[in-house]
Protein backbone atom coordinates (compact mmCIF):
# COMPACT_ATOMS: atom_id res chain seq x y z
CA MET A 1 8.35 51.72 -2.35
CA ARG A 2 8.12 50.69 1.05
CA ARG A 3 10.94 51.29 3.89
CA VAL A 4 12.75 48.40 5.32
CA GLU A 5 14.61 48.80 8.59
CA ASP A 6 16.45 45.42 9.89
CA GLY A 7 18.57 46.98 12.62
CA GLN A 8 21.45 46.89 10.39
CA GLY A 9 20.26 49.88 8.30
CA ALA A 10 17.52 51.04 6.28
CA LEU A 11 16.75 50.25 2.55
CA ASP A 12 13.65 51.86 0.39
CA GLU A 13 12.85 49.01 -1.73
CA GLY A 14 12.32 49.77 -5.38
CA ASN A 15 10.40 47.82 -7.94
CA PHE A 16 13.05 45.24 -9.19
CA GLY A 17 11.24 42.10 -9.49
CA CYS A 18 13.93 39.11 -9.77
CA ALA A 19 16.83 41.50 -10.16
CA SER A 20 20.41 40.49 -10.54
CA LEU A 21 22.83 42.59 -8.25
CA LEU A 22 26.60 43.03 -8.50
CA LEU A 23 28.73 45.03 -6.19
CA ALA A 24 31.29 46.98 -7.69
CA ASP A 25 33.25 50.19 -6.78
CA GLY A 26 31.24 51.05 -3.86
CA HIS A 27 28.26 51.04 -5.78
CA ILE A 28 25.39 48.27 -6.50
CA ILE A 29 24.55 47.60 -10.08
CA ALA A 30 21.40 46.11 -10.70
CA LEU A 31 19.33 44.74 -13.33
CA THR A 32 15.66 44.35 -12.90
CA GLU A 33 13.61 41.86 -14.09
CA ASP A 34 11.78 44.25 -16.37
CA GLY A 35 15.14 45.33 -18.16
CA ASP A 36 16.51 48.47 -16.01
CA LEU A 37 19.92 48.84 -15.21
CA VAL A 38 20.19 50.56 -12.07
CA LEU A 39 23.09 52.41 -10.07
CA ILE A 40 23.05 52.35 -6.33
CA GLU A 41 25.25 53.76 -3.94
CA ALA A 42 26.18 50.73 -1.33
CA THR A 43 25.41 52.10 1.90
CA PRO A 44 23.45 50.72 4.90
CA GLU A 45 22.21 54.60 5.77
CA ALA A 46 19.68 54.92 2.82
CA TYR A 47 18.71 53.82 -0.71
CA ARG A 48 20.41 56.15 -2.91
CA GLU A 49 19.93 55.45 -6.62
CA LYS A 50 22.42 57.33 -8.67
CA GLY A 51 20.78 56.47 -11.86
CA ARG A 52 18.61 54.52 -14.07
CA VAL A 53 18.39 53.48 -17.76
CA GLU A 54 16.02 51.20 -19.53
CA GLY A 55 18.71 48.75 -20.67
CA LEU A 56 17.02 45.43 -21.91
CA ALA A 57 13.61 44.87 -23.83
CA ALA A 58 12.59 41.48 -22.78
CA THR A 59 12.42 39.56 -19.23
CA CYS A 60 15.73 39.56 -17.47
CA ARG A 61 16.69 36.75 -14.81
CA ALA A 62 20.29 36.04 -15.85
CA GLN A 63 22.95 37.25 -13.54
CA LEU A 64 25.01 40.15 -14.64
CA ALA A 65 29.08 39.81 -14.98
CA LEU A 66 31.84 42.50 -15.04
CA SER A 67 35.03 41.87 -16.60
CA ASP A 68 37.65 44.36 -17.58
CA GLY A 69 35.23 47.45 -17.33
CA LYS A 70 32.43 45.92 -19.30
CA LEU A 71 29.13 44.80 -17.94
CA TYR A 72 27.28 41.85 -19.53
CA GLY A 73 23.69 41.28 -19.07
CA ARG A 74 20.97 38.93 -20.88
CA ASP A 75 17.64 39.14 -21.35
CA ALA A 76 15.38 36.38 -22.90
CA LYS A 77 16.46 37.28 -26.34
CA GLN A 78 20.05 38.44 -26.34
CA LEU A 79 23.44 39.15 -24.73
CA HIS A 80 24.20 42.77 -24.29
CA CYS A 81 27.79 44.49 -23.26
CA TRP A 82 28.22 47.86 -22.04
CA ASN A 83 31.51 49.45 -21.77
CA LEU A 84 31.94 50.94 -18.35
CA LYS A 85 35.48 52.48 -18.54
CA LYS A 86 36.05 56.18 -18.21
């Protein structure tokens, strides 16, 4: 990881590759190129990773979609859906 400061705030870069990013309810949901789902607090002060799971098995480059509490992501082989409702 390396720290980036641009005058607007600071961000520690993780290993995201060509990630898909989605802003929802004060958080960034990232789907990394390697298939990890990452929940990040959306704040300019620092990089605050709230959680990470191995989400998909194949290379991911498609944009995430969120609708009615369901998160949709696609890898090179399948479309996946995660229910994010409490």
